[in-house]
């Protein structure tokens, strides 16, 4: 189990080493998607919880940290 997780992390690190800006761009796209959902459906569950905003912030911060580390 631990070996499989280590191999997965190696693959992810190798993938993002060549695409340093991909994860922050995905995070930005999720934040913009959240804005559109809030404007279109203000009383919907996704708009009230700001799910895509939080996911976008987490992925953008992780992407910046990964780009800095790699």
N, C-alpha and C. Protein backbone atom coordinates (compact mmCIF):
# COMPACT_ATOMS: atom_id res chain seq x y z
N UNK A 1 0.83 -1.19 0.00
CA UNK A 1 0.00 0.00 0.00
C UNK A 1 0.87 1.25 0.00
N UNK A 2 1.87 1.26 0.86
CA UNK A 2 2.74 2.43 0.94
C UNK A 2 3.59 2.59 -0.31
N UNK A 3 4.01 1.47 -0.90
CA UNK A 3 4.78 1.53 -2.14
C UNK A 3 3.95 2.10 -3.28
N UNK A 4 2.69 1.72 -3.34
CA UNK A 4 1.81 2.24 -4.39
C UNK A 4 1.61 3.74 -4.22
N UNK A 5 1.47 4.19 -2.99
CA UNK A 5 1.31 5.62 -2.74
C UNK A 5 2.58 6.38 -3.11
N UNK A 6 3.73 5.81 -2.80
CA UNK A 6 5.00 6.45 -3.17
C UNK A 6 5.15 6.55 -4.69
N UNK A 7 4.77 5.50 -5.40
CA UNK A 7 4.82 5.53 -6.86
C UNK A 7 3.86 6.58 -7.42
N UNK A 8 2.67 6.67 -6.81
CA UNK A 8 1.70 7.68 -7.24
C UNK A 8 2.26 9.09 -7.03
N UNK A 9 2.87 9.34 -5.88
CA UNK A 9 3.45 10.65 -5.63
C UNK A 9 4.59 10.97 -6.59
N UNK A 10 5.39 9.96 -6.93
CA UNK A 10 6.46 10.17 -7.91
C UNK A 10 5.89 10.53 -9.28
N UNK A 11 4.83 9.84 -9.68
CA UNK A 11 4.21 10.15 -10.97
C UNK A 11 3.62 11.56 -10.99
N UNK A 12 2.95 11.93 -9.92
CA UNK A 12 2.35 13.27 -9.84
C UNK A 12 3.43 14.34 -9.83
N UNK A 13 4.49 14.12 -9.08
CA UNK A 13 5.58 15.09 -9.03
C UNK A 13 6.25 15.23 -10.39
N UNK A 14 6.45 14.13 -11.09
CA UNK A 14 7.05 14.18 -12.42
C UNK A 14 6.14 14.90 -13.41
N UNK A 15 4.84 14.66 -13.30
CA UNK A 15 3.89 15.32 -14.20
C UNK A 15 3.87 16.83 -13.98
N UNK A 16 3.80 17.25 -12.72
CA UNK A 16 3.70 18.68 -12.44
C UNK A 16 5.04 19.40 -12.51
N UNK A 17 6.14 18.67 -12.56
CA UNK A 17 7.45 19.32 -12.68
C UNK A 17 7.57 20.02 -14.03
N UNK A 18 6.93 19.48 -15.05
CA UNK A 18 6.98 20.08 -16.38
C UNK A 18 5.82 21.03 -16.63
N UNK A 19 4.82 21.03 -15.77
CA UNK A 19 3.64 21.86 -15.94
C UNK A 19 3.39 22.65 -14.65
N UNK A 20 4.29 23.55 -14.35
CA UNK A 20 4.26 24.23 -13.04
C UNK A 20 3.04 25.11 -12.85
N UNK A 21 2.49 25.66 -13.90
CA UNK A 21 1.38 26.58 -13.76
C UNK A 21 0.01 25.96 -13.94
N UNK A 22 -0.05 24.66 -14.15
CA UNK A 22 -1.33 24.02 -14.44
C UNK A 22 -2.27 24.03 -13.24
N UNK A 23 -1.78 23.66 -12.09
CA UNK A 23 -2.65 23.57 -10.91
C UNK A 23 -3.17 24.95 -10.46
N UNK A 24 -2.34 26.01 -10.45
CA UNK A 24 -2.91 27.32 -10.14
C UNK A 24 -3.94 27.79 -11.17
N UNK A 25 -3.76 27.43 -12.44
CA UNK A 25 -4.76 27.80 -13.45
C UNK A 25 -6.06 27.04 -13.24
N UNK A 26 -5.97 25.79 -12.85
CA UNK A 26 -7.18 25.02 -12.53
C UNK A 26 -7.89 25.65 -11.33
N UNK A 27 -7.12 26.06 -10.34
CA UNK A 27 -7.70 26.73 -9.18
C UNK A 27 -8.39 28.02 -9.55
N UNK A 28 -7.77 28.79 -10.44
CA UNK A 28 -8.38 30.04 -10.90
C UNK A 28 -9.66 29.76 -11.68
N UNK A 29 -9.66 28.72 -12.49
CA UNK A 29 -10.87 28.36 -13.23
C UNK A 29 -12.00 27.95 -12.28
N UNK A 30 -11.66 27.24 -11.21
CA UNK A 30 -12.69 26.85 -10.23
C UNK A 30 -13.25 28.08 -9.51
N UNK A 31 -12.40 29.05 -9.22
CA UNK A 31 -12.87 30.27 -8.56
C UNK A 31 -13.80 31.05 -9.48
N UNK A 32 -13.46 31.14 -10.77
CA UNK A 32 -14.32 31.83 -11.72
C UNK A 32 -15.63 31.06 -11.90
N UNK A 33 -15.56 29.74 -11.92
CA UNK A 33 -16.78 28.92 -11.99
C UNK A 33 -17.68 29.18 -10.79
N UNK A 34 -17.09 29.33 -9.61
CA UNK A 34 -17.88 29.63 -8.42
C UNK A 34 -18.57 30.98 -8.56
N UNK A 35 -17.87 31.97 -9.11
CA UNK A 35 -18.48 33.29 -9.32
C UNK A 35 -19.68 33.18 -10.25
N UNK A 36 -19.53 32.44 -11.33
CA UNK A 36 -20.64 32.28 -12.27
C UNK A 36 -21.82 31.55 -11.64
N UNK A 37 -21.55 30.56 -10.82
CA UNK A 37 -22.63 29.83 -10.15
C UNK A 37 -23.36 30.74 -9.17
N UNK A 38 -22.61 31.55 -8.43
CA UNK A 38 -23.23 32.47 -7.46
C UNK A 38 -24.09 33.50 -8.19
N UNK A 39 -23.61 34.00 -9.33
CA UNK A 39 -24.40 34.98 -10.07
C UNK A 39 -25.63 34.36 -10.72
N UNK A 40 -25.52 33.13 -11.19
CA UNK A 40 -26.63 32.50 -11.90
C UNK A 40 -27.67 31.89 -10.96
N UNK A 41 -27.20 31.24 -9.90
CA UNK A 41 -28.10 30.53 -8.98
C UNK A 41 -27.78 30.93 -7.55
N UNK A 42 -28.21 32.11 -7.09
CA UNK A 42 -27.80 32.58 -5.76
C UNK A 42 -28.33 31.76 -4.60
N UNK A 43 -29.42 31.06 -4.77
CA UNK A 43 -29.97 30.30 -3.64
C UNK A 43 -29.63 28.82 -3.70
N UNK A 44 -28.83 28.40 -4.66
CA UNK A 44 -28.48 26.99 -4.79
C UNK A 44 -27.48 26.59 -3.70
N UNK A 45 -27.41 25.30 -3.45
CA UNK A 45 -26.51 24.78 -2.42
C UNK A 45 -25.05 25.09 -2.75
N UNK A 46 -24.67 24.95 -4.01
CA UNK A 46 -23.28 25.24 -4.41
C UNK A 46 -22.94 26.71 -4.20
N UNK A 47 -23.91 27.58 -4.40
CA UNK A 47 -23.65 29.01 -4.21
C UNK A 47 -23.56 29.36 -2.73
N UNK A 48 -24.39 28.73 -1.93
CA UNK A 48 -24.37 29.03 -0.49
C UNK A 48 -23.12 28.50 0.20
N UNK A 49 -22.61 27.36 -0.26
CA UNK A 49 -21.44 26.78 0.40
C UNK A 49 -20.12 27.25 -0.20
N UNK A 50 -20.16 27.86 -1.40
CA UNK A 50 -18.94 28.29 -2.09
C UNK A 50 -17.95 27.14 -2.24
N UNK A 51 -18.46 25.98 -2.63
CA UNK A 51 -17.65 24.78 -2.74
C UNK A 51 -16.50 24.96 -3.73
N UNK A 52 -16.80 25.49 -4.91
CA UNK A 52 -15.76 25.64 -5.93
C UNK A 52 -14.76 26.73 -5.56
N UNK A 53 -15.19 27.71 -4.79
CA UNK A 53 -14.26 28.72 -4.30
C UNK A 53 -13.22 28.09 -3.39
N UNK A 54 -13.67 27.27 -2.47
CA UNK A 54 -12.75 26.63 -1.54
C UNK A 54 -11.84 25.63 -2.25
N UNK A 55 -12.41 24.84 -3.15
CA UNK A 55 -11.58 23.89 -3.90
C UNK A 55 -10.57 24.61 -4.78
N UNK A 56 -10.98 25.73 -5.36
CA UNK A 56 -10.07 26.51 -6.19
C UNK A 56 -8.93 27.12 -5.39
N UNK A 57 -9.24 27.64 -4.22
CA UNK A 57 -8.19 28.20 -3.37
C UNK A 57 -7.20 27.13 -2.92
N UNK A 58 -7.71 25.99 -2.53
CA UNK A 58 -6.83 24.91 -2.08
C UNK A 58 -5.94 24.42 -3.22
N UNK A 59 -6.53 24.22 -4.40
CA UNK A 59 -5.72 23.73 -5.51
C UNK A 59 -4.72 24.78 -5.98
N UNK A 60 -5.08 26.06 -5.95
CA UNK A 60 -4.14 27.11 -6.36
C UNK A 60 -2.98 27.22 -5.37
N UNK A 61 -3.27 27.16 -4.09
CA UNK A 61 -2.20 27.23 -3.09
C UNK A 61 -1.29 26.02 -3.18
N UNK A 62 -1.88 24.83 -3.33
CA UNK A 62 -1.06 23.63 -3.49
C UNK A 62 -0.23 23.68 -4.77
N UNK A 63 -0.81 24.23 -5.82
CA UNK A 63 -0.07 24.35 -7.08
C UNK A 63 1.11 25.30 -6.96
N UNK A 64 0.93 26.40 -6.25
CA UNK A 64 2.04 27.34 -6.05
C UNK A 64 3.12 26.70 -5.19
N UNK A 65 2.72 25.99 -4.15
CA UNK A 65 3.70 25.32 -3.30
C UNK A 65 4.45 24.23 -4.05
N UNK A 66 3.74 23.47 -4.88
CA UNK A 66 4.40 22.43 -5.67
C UNK A 66 5.35 23.04 -6.70
N UNK A 67 4.94 24.12 -7.34
CA UNK A 67 5.81 24.76 -8.33
C UNK A 67 7.05 25.31 -7.67
N UNK A 68 6.90 25.81 -6.46
CA UNK A 68 8.05 26.36 -5.75
C UNK A 68 8.99 25.24 -5.31
N UNK A 69 8.43 24.11 -4.89
CA UNK A 69 9.25 23.00 -4.41
C UNK A 69 9.92 22.25 -5.56
N UNK A 70 9.27 22.18 -6.71
CA UNK A 70 9.83 21.43 -7.83
C UNK A 70 10.65 22.34 -8.70
